[in-house]
Amino acid sequence: MHEWQDKVPDMSKIVPKLIPAKKLGTDFRAQLPRMIEETCVAEFTHFVLILLGFYALRLWPGAGGAVVTAIYILFGNLPFLIIQRYNRPRLQKLLAAQQRRSRRNQEEQQ
């Protein structure tokens, strides 16, 4: 997973409001909640696209439609869904550690 996730296209090149994963700045910790939210939205979007992909079977019934649908799902959406599922827990763990550290610093200052 870790080897191939950097080789798939990044939507932040098309949608400028998204946070580009490969260009995180020094303030990336401040962006963690937004990044986690974006992984949720991306996962949901790709899941819906997978479901809509099955509609291709109505448009093109038979073996040809099944092959096109399988290719669309396996290569067009499934890798992106897996990437979101892989990255979100890591980001959540990082955010939780950051929040614990912040609370500890606040307690020390009091």
C-alpha atoms as a PDB file:
ATOM      1  CA  MET A   1       0.000   0.000   0.000  1.00  0.00           C
ATOM      2  CA  HIS A   2       2.678   2.477   1.026  1.00  0.00           C
ATOM      3  CA  GLU A   3       4.662   1.884  -2.178  1.00  0.00           C
ATOM      4  CA  TRP A   4       1.865   2.600  -4.645  1.00  0.00           C
ATOM      5  CA  GLN A   5      -0.215   5.319  -2.963  1.00  0.00           C
ATOM      6  CA  ASP A   6       2.154   8.035  -4.217  1.00  0.00           C
ATOM      7  CA  LYS A   7       1.719   6.855  -7.805  1.00  0.00           C
ATOM      8  CA  VAL A   8      -2.028   7.553  -8.123  1.00  0.00           C
ATOM      9  CA  PRO A   9      -3.348  10.947  -9.308  1.00  0.00           C
ATOM     10  CA  ASP A  10      -4.025  13.645  -6.734  1.00  0.00           C
ATOM     11  CA  MET A  11      -7.312  15.602  -6.979  1.00  0.00           C
ATOM     12  CA  SER A  12      -5.740  18.676  -5.355  1.00  0.00           C
ATOM     13  CA  LYS A  13      -4.248  19.476  -8.781  1.00  0.00           C
ATOM     14  CA  ILE A  14      -7.772  19.811 -10.177  1.00  0.00           C
ATOM     15  CA  VAL A  15      -9.593  21.206  -7.123  1.00  0.00           C
ATOM     16  CA  PRO A  16      -7.419  23.967  -5.648  1.00  0.00           C
ATOM     17  CA  LYS A  17      -9.299  24.104  -2.306  1.00  0.00           C
ATOM     18  CA  LEU A  18      -8.068  20.607  -1.416  1.00  0.00           C
ATOM     19  CA  ILE A  19      -4.910  20.206   0.604  1.00  0.00           C
ATOM     20  CA  PRO A  20      -2.178  18.686  -1.576  1.00  0.00           C
ATOM     21  CA  ALA A  21      -0.816  15.655   0.268  1.00  0.00           C
ATOM     22  CA  LYS A  22       2.682  15.981  -1.122  1.00  0.00           C
ATOM     23  CA  LYS A  23       3.025  19.678  -0.250  1.00  0.00           C
ATOM     24  CA  LEU A  24       2.235  19.841   3.444  1.00  0.00           C
ATOM     25  CA  GLY A  25       3.811  22.847   5.073  1.00  0.00           C
ATOM     26  CA  THR A  26       5.183  23.293   8.544  1.00  0.00           C
ATOM     27  CA  ASP A  27       1.680  24.111   9.810  1.00  0.00           C
ATOM     28  CA  PHE A  28       0.250  20.756   8.711  1.00  0.00           C
ATOM     29  CA  ARG A  29      -0.755  19.973  12.295  1.00  0.00           C
ATOM     30  CA  ALA A  30      -3.194  22.885  12.173  1.00  0.00           C
ATOM     31  CA  GLN A  31      -4.652  21.374   9.012  1.00  0.00           C
ATOM     32  CA  LEU A  32      -5.188  17.885  10.476  1.00  0.00           C
ATOM     33  CA  PRO A  33      -8.940  18.250  11.165  1.00  0.00           C
ATOM     34  CA  ARG A  34      -9.519  19.449   7.611  1.00  0.00           C
ATOM     35  CA  MET A  35      -7.352  16.657   6.196  1.00  0.00           C
ATOM     36  CA  ILE A  36      -9.344  14.061   8.148  1.00  0.00           C
ATOM     37  CA  GLU A  37     -12.559  15.594   6.848  1.00  0.00           C
ATOM     38  CA  GLU A  38     -11.233  15.450   3.278  1.00  0.00           C
ATOM     39  CA  THR A  39     -10.417  11.755   3.644  1.00  0.00           C
ATOM     40  CA  CYS A  40     -14.024  11.122   4.731  1.00  0.00           C
ATOM     41  CA  VAL A  41     -15.415  13.066   1.775  1.00  0.00           C
ATOM     42  CA  ALA A  42     -13.052  11.362  -0.674  1.00  0.00           C
ATOM     43  CA  GLU A  43     -13.916   7.905   0.638  1.00  0.00           C
ATOM     44  CA  PHE A  44     -17.647   8.606   0.395  1.00  0.00           C
ATOM     45  CA  THR A  45     -17.246  10.032  -3.115  1.00  0.00           C
ATOM     46  CA  HIS A  46     -15.351   6.993  -4.373  1.00  0.00           C
ATOM     47  CA  PHE A  47     -17.832   4.640  -2.716  1.00  0.00           C
ATOM     48  CA  VAL A  48     -20.720   6.400  -4.489  1.00  0.00           C
ATOM     49  CA  LEU A  49     -18.797   6.276  -7.763  1.00  0.00           C
ATOM     50  CA  ILE A  50     -18.331   2.537  -7.309  1.00  0.00           C
ATOM     51  CA  LEU A  51     -22.074   2.122  -6.796  1.00  0.00           C
ATOM     52  CA  LEU A  52     -22.800   4.279  -9.833  1.00  0.00           C
ATOM     53  CA  GLY A  53     -20.306   2.193 -11.790  1.00  0.00           C
ATOM     54  CA  PHE A  54     -22.668  -0.740 -11.519  1.00  0.00           C
ATOM     55  CA  TYR A  55     -25.167   1.327 -13.493  1.00  0.00           C
ATOM     56  CA  ALA A  56     -22.910   0.719 -16.498  1.00  0.00           C
ATOM     57  CA  LEU A  57     -24.244  -2.841 -16.485  1.00  0.00           C
ATOM     58  CA  ARG A  58     -27.682  -1.451 -17.356  1.00  0.00           C
ATOM     59  CA  LEU A  59     -26.213   0.619 -20.153  1.00  0.00           C
ATOM     60  CA  TRP A  60     -23.997  -2.182 -21.444  1.00  0.00           C
ATOM     61  CA  PRO A  61     -25.332  -5.575 -20.336  1.00  0.00           C
ATOM     62  CA  GLY A  62     -23.338  -8.725 -20.785  1.00  0.00           C
ATOM     63  CA  ALA A  63     -19.695  -9.667 -20.505  1.00  0.00           C
ATOM     64  CA  GLY A  64     -18.399  -6.451 -22.114  1.00  0.00           C
ATOM     65  CA  GLY A  65     -20.227  -4.272 -19.612  1.00  0.00           C
ATOM     66  CA  ALA A  66     -19.073  -6.456 -16.734  1.00  0.00           C
ATOM     67  CA  VAL A  67     -15.442  -6.126 -17.840  1.00  0.00           C
ATOM     68  CA  VAL A  68     -15.701  -2.342 -18.224  1.00  0.00           C
ATOM     69  CA  THR A  69     -17.419  -2.034 -14.830  1.00  0.00           C
ATOM     70  CA  ALA A  70     -14.799  -4.216 -13.136  1.00  0.00           C
ATOM     71  CA  ILE A  71     -11.947  -2.186 -14.639  1.00  0.00           C
ATOM     72  CA  TYR A  72     -13.643   1.081 -13.646  1.00  0.00           C
ATOM     73  CA  ILE A  73     -14.157  -0.083 -10.074  1.00  0.00           C
ATOM     74  CA  LEU A  74     -10.805  -1.833  -9.591  1.00  0.00           C
ATOM     75  CA  PHE A  75      -8.606   0.834 -11.136  1.00  0.00           C
ATOM     76  CA  GLY A  76     -10.712   3.996 -11.065  1.00  0.00           C
ATOM     77  CA  ASN A  77     -12.021   4.004  -7.514  1.00  0.00           C
ATOM     78  CA  LEU A  78     -10.966   1.137  -5.286  1.00  0.00           C
ATOM     79  CA  PRO A  79      -7.312   2.249  -4.890  1.00  0.00           C
ATOM     80  CA  PHE A  80      -8.432   5.726  -3.823  1.00  0.00           C
ATOM     81  CA  LEU A  81     -10.942   4.329  -1.344  1.00  0.00           C
ATOM     82  CA  ILE A  82      -8.225   2.108   0.153  1.00  0.00           C
ATOM     83  CA  ILE A  83      -5.822   5.068   0.418  1.00  0.00           C
ATOM     84  CA  GLN A  84      -8.398   7.072   2.380  1.00  0.00           C
ATOM     85  CA  ARG A  85      -9.036   4.137   4.713  1.00  0.00           C
ATOM     86  CA  TYR A  86      -5.282   3.715   5.202  1.00  0.00           C
ATOM     87  CA  ASN A  87      -4.475   7.379   5.851  1.00  0.00           C
ATOM     88  CA  ARG A  88      -7.430   8.483   8.016  1.00  0.00           C
ATOM     89  CA  PRO A  89      -6.568   6.372  11.123  1.00  0.00           C
ATOM     90  CA  ARG A  90      -2.985   7.572  10.922  1.00  0.00           C
ATOM     91  CA  LEU A  91      -4.126  11.195  10.742  1.00  0.00           C
ATOM     92  CA  GLN A  92      -6.595  10.663  13.605  1.00  0.00           C
ATOM     93  CA  LYS A  93      -3.858   9.167  15.759  1.00  0.00           C
ATOM     94  CA  LEU A  94      -1.606  12.117  14.963  1.00  0.00           C
ATOM     95  CA  LEU A  95      -4.405  14.574  15.839  1.00  0.00           C
ATOM     96  CA  ALA A  96      -5.109  12.776  19.137  1.00  0.00           C
ATOM     97  CA  ALA A  97      -1.414  12.917  20.065  1.00  0.00           C
ATOM     98  CA  GLN A  98      -1.323  16.607  19.187  1.00  0.00           C
ATOM     99  CA  GLN A  99      -4.384  17.286  21.359  1.00  0.00           C
ATOM    100  CA  ARG A 100      -2.888  15.352  24.295  1.00  0.00           C
ATOM    101  CA  ARG A 101       0.340  17.317  23.957  1.00  0.00           C
ATOM    102  CA  SER A 102      -1.584  20.589  23.822  1.00  0.00           C
ATOM    103  CA  ARG A 103      -3.594  19.716  26.967  1.00  0.00           C
ATOM    104  CA  ARG A 104      -0.428  18.685  28.785  1.00  0.00           C
ATOM    105  CA  ASN A 105       1.230  22.003  27.873  1.00  0.00           C
ATOM    106  CA  GLN A 106      -1.811  23.939  29.088  1.00  0.00           C
ATOM    107  CA  GLU A 107      -1.807  22.055  32.398  1.00  0.00           C
ATOM    108  CA  GLU A 108       1.891  22.743  32.879  1.00  0.00           C
ATOM    109  CA  GLN A 109       1.358  26.457  32.312  1.00  0.00           C
ATOM    110  CA  GLN A 110      -1.337  26.666  35.009  1.00  0.00           C
END
